[in-house]
Amino acid sequence: MIDGATVARDVVLVTIALVGGYLVGSIPTGRLGGRDAGPGWAFLALTAAVATGVVPVAVGIVTWSWGIGWVAGLGAVLGACWPGLGRTGGDARDTTTTGLATLGGAAFALAPLAGAISLVLALVALAVGRVAKRDARGLAGVVGFGTFPALFLAQHHDLGRLGALLVLYLVVLVRSVTARDR
């Protein structure tokens, strides 16, 4: 039998996680590393964007459950891709980049072991590119984000959770496609 109080509590939790994640994801972290800023500021902006994915997911997981953490991560990625705070009229490609960094943080918080291995693989691809005197940043991103779903499934053994993770990927993909049309 379905308990009305439990359903109401779950609706409130999901709403708080989604809205809270969205607000955190909407924080204009990209302004820290403006176009004229040096590499240190750009790294700070990237770190802040990753944190906008990690923090809401970690709070949701620690406070309630993996599912609530995922909902908070969905909100954060949506907020990074379509921000509601302080980023009006900005470059759509910037929100795609911020969304990708936020996705990376959320994914890492959802499956830290898979995230750590994906990060190591991405850094190896970057190092190989440096040795070959090539810019391998794009390749490193593809390796990191491309290997994560398989590593995630190996860690969780749950197709439902993998599907939930892929929804986060889909949000950033949709933002990327809509950003190119402008």
Protein backbone atom coordinates (compact mmCIF):
# COMPACT_ATOMS: atom_id res chain seq x y z
CA MET A 1 0.00 0.00 0.00
CA ILE A 2 1.21 3.48 -0.84
CA ASP A 3 1.58 5.80 2.13
CA GLY A 4 0.62 9.39 1.31
CA ALA A 5 3.05 10.84 3.84
CA THR A 6 5.95 8.90 2.31
CA VAL A 7 5.02 10.02 -1.20
CA ALA A 8 4.74 13.64 -0.05
CA ARG A 9 8.13 13.44 1.68
CA ASP A 10 9.73 11.94 -1.43
CA VAL A 11 8.24 14.66 -3.67
CA VAL A 12 9.61 17.34 -1.34
CA LEU A 13 13.06 15.68 -1.25
CA VAL A 14 13.24 15.37 -5.03
CA THR A 15 12.10 18.97 -5.48
CA ILE A 16 14.64 20.30 -2.98
CA ALA A 17 17.44 18.24 -4.56
CA LEU A 18 16.54 19.33 -8.10
CA VAL A 19 16.11 23.02 -7.28
CA GLY A 20 19.12 23.10 -4.94
CA GLY A 21 21.29 21.40 -7.56
CA TYR A 22 20.02 23.78 -10.22
CA LEU A 23 20.87 26.83 -8.11
CA VAL A 24 24.38 25.52 -7.39
CA GLY A 25 24.90 24.64 -11.06
CA SER A 26 23.79 28.13 -12.07
CA ILE A 27 26.59 29.82 -10.12
CA PRO A 28 28.63 31.74 -12.73
CA THR A 29 31.95 29.93 -12.22
CA GLY A 30 33.12 30.79 -15.74
CA ARG A 31 33.60 34.42 -14.75
CA LEU A 32 36.57 33.39 -12.62
CA GLY A 33 38.54 32.50 -15.74
CA GLY A 34 37.51 35.23 -18.15
CA ARG A 35 38.92 35.36 -21.65
CA ASP A 36 41.82 37.59 -20.61
CA ALA A 37 42.63 35.69 -17.41
CA GLY A 38 45.76 33.61 -17.10
CA PRO A 39 45.94 29.83 -16.87
CA GLY A 40 45.74 29.88 -13.07
CA TRP A 41 42.36 31.62 -13.19
CA ALA A 42 41.14 29.27 -15.91
CA PHE A 43 42.10 26.29 -13.73
CA LEU A 44 40.28 27.88 -10.78
CA ALA A 45 37.17 28.34 -12.95
CA LEU A 46 37.35 24.70 -14.07
CA THR A 47 37.76 23.52 -10.47
CA ALA A 48 34.79 25.62 -9.38
CA ALA A 49 32.65 24.24 -12.23
CA VAL A 50 33.58 20.67 -11.27
CA ALA A 51 32.71 21.50 -7.65
CA THR A 52 29.23 22.63 -8.71
CA GLY A 53 28.66 19.02 -9.75
CA VAL A 54 30.40 17.33 -6.83
CA VAL A 55 28.87 19.28 -3.95
CA PRO A 56 25.12 18.81 -4.59
CA VAL A 57 25.58 15.13 -5.49
CA ALA A 58 27.72 14.45 -2.42
CA VAL A 59 25.26 16.24 -0.13
CA GLY A 60 22.36 14.27 -1.64
CA ILE A 61 24.12 10.92 -1.34
CA VAL A 62 25.42 11.50 2.18
CA THR A 63 22.19 13.02 3.45
CA TRP A 64 19.63 10.74 1.75
CA SER A 65 20.49 8.30 -1.03
CA TRP A 66 22.21 7.73 -4.34
CA GLY A 67 18.95 8.59 -6.12
CA ILE A 68 18.60 11.94 -4.38
CA GLY A 69 22.27 12.63 -5.17
CA TRP A 70 21.56 11.87 -8.83
CA VAL A 71 18.57 14.24 -8.84
CA ALA A 72 20.78 16.97 -7.34
CA GLY A 73 23.37 16.23 -10.03
CA LEU A 74 20.69 16.50 -12.72
CA GLY A 75 19.72 19.89 -11.32
CA ALA A 76 23.36 21.02 -11.24
CA VAL A 77 24.00 19.98 -14.85
CA LEU A 78 20.76 21.65 -15.99
CA GLY A 79 21.76 24.80 -14.09
CA ALA A 80 25.22 24.83 -15.65
CA CYS A 81 23.83 24.32 -19.17
CA TRP A 82 20.87 26.69 -18.83
CA PRO A 83 21.79 28.97 -15.91
CA GLY A 84 19.33 31.06 -14.01
CA LEU A 85 21.81 33.06 -11.95
CA GLY A 86 24.03 35.79 -13.30
CA ARG A 87 24.80 34.44 -16.79
CA THR A 88 22.35 36.19 -19.06
CA GLY A 89 23.34 36.76 -22.66
CA GLY A 90 26.56 34.74 -22.36
CA ASP A 91 28.14 32.57 -24.99
CA ALA A 92 26.20 29.29 -25.36
CA ARG A 93 29.50 27.44 -25.88
CA ASP A 94 30.66 28.63 -22.46
CA THR A 95 27.60 27.07 -20.84
CA THR A 96 28.32 23.82 -22.70
CA THR A 97 31.88 23.80 -21.36
CA THR A 98 30.67 24.61 -17.85
CA GLY A 99 27.99 21.92 -18.19
CA LEU A 100 30.63 19.38 -19.19
CA ALA A 101 32.79 20.26 -16.17
CA THR A 102 29.74 20.07 -13.89
CA LEU A 103 28.82 16.70 -15.42
CA GLY A 104 32.37 15.52 -14.67
CA GLY A 105 32.01 16.53 -11.04
CA ALA A 106 28.56 14.97 -10.66
CA ALA A 107 29.67 11.74 -12.34
CA PHE A 108 32.76 11.56 -10.13
CA ALA A 109 30.63 11.98 -7.00
CA LEU A 110 28.18 9.30 -8.20
CA ALA A 111 30.97 6.75 -8.76
CA PRO A 112 34.32 7.90 -7.32
CA LEU A 113 36.30 4.78 -8.27
CA ALA A 114 35.14 4.89 -11.89
CA GLY A 115 35.82 8.63 -11.90
CA ALA A 116 39.35 8.21 -10.59
CA ILE A 117 40.18 5.55 -13.20
CA SER A 118 38.66 7.65 -16.01
CA LEU A 119 40.67 10.64 -14.84
CA VAL A 120 43.90 8.63 -14.86
CA LEU A 121 43.14 7.37 -18.39
CA ALA A 122 42.45 10.93 -19.54
CA LEU A 123 45.73 12.14 -18.02
CA VAL A 124 47.59 9.31 -19.77
CA ALA A 125 46.05 10.41 -23.10
CA LEU A 126 47.09 13.99 -22.35
CA ALA A 127 50.65 12.89 -21.50
CA VAL A 128 50.93 10.83 -24.68
CA GLY A 129 49.82 13.89 -26.63
CA ARG A 130 52.48 16.00 -24.96
CA VAL A 131 55.17 13.44 -25.76
CA ALA A 132 53.96 13.43 -29.38
CA LYS A 133 53.94 17.25 -29.29
CA ARG A 134 50.22 17.37 -30.07
CA ASP A 135 47.34 19.09 -28.36
CA ALA A 136 45.52 16.11 -26.86
CA ARG A 137 43.04 17.97 -24.66
CA GLY A 138 40.10 16.92 -26.84
CA LEU A 139 41.30 13.32 -26.91
CA ALA A 140 41.78 13.33 -23.14
CA GLY A 141 38.20 14.53 -22.70
CA VAL A 142 36.87 11.84 -25.02
CA VAL A 143 38.89 9.16 -23.22
CA GLY A 144 37.80 10.37 -19.76
CA PHE A 145 34.12 10.79 -20.52
CA GLY A 146 34.06 7.86 -22.96
CA THR A 147 35.43 5.27 -20.54
CA PHE A 148 33.39 6.43 -17.57
CA PRO A 149 30.06 4.69 -18.40
CA ALA A 150 31.72 1.26 -18.76
CA LEU A 151 33.71 1.79 -15.57
CA PHE A 152 30.55 3.04 -13.84
CA LEU A 153 28.71 -0.15 -14.83
CA ALA A 154 31.64 -2.26 -13.63
CA GLN A 155 31.49 -0.46 -10.27
CA HIS A 156 27.70 -0.48 -9.76
CA HIS A 157 26.46 -3.51 -11.76
CA ASP A 158 23.16 -1.67 -12.18
CA LEU A 159 21.70 -0.84 -15.60
CA GLY A 160 19.13 1.51 -14.02
CA ARG A 161 21.87 3.64 -12.48
CA LEU A 162 23.80 3.54 -15.76
CA GLY A 163 20.69 4.83 -17.52
CA ALA A 164 20.39 7.61 -14.96
CA LEU A 165 24.05 8.55 -15.54
CA LEU A 166 23.50 8.61 -19.30
CA VAL A 167 20.62 11.07 -18.80
CA LEU A 168 23.23 13.50 -17.40
CA TYR A 169 25.36 12.93 -20.51
CA LEU A 170 22.26 13.54 -22.66
CA VAL A 171 21.60 16.92 -21.02
CA VAL A 172 25.09 18.15 -21.95
CA LEU A 173 24.76 16.67 -25.46
CA VAL A 174 21.46 18.51 -25.99
CA ARG A 175 23.08 21.74 -24.75
CA SER A 176 26.00 21.22 -27.11
CA VAL A 177 23.70 20.71 -30.10
CA THR A 178 21.53 23.70 -29.24
CA ALA A 179 24.63 25.88 -28.70
CA ARG A 180 25.86 25.11 -32.22
CA ASP A 181 22.59 26.23 -33.78
CA ARG A 182 23.06 29.79 -32.56
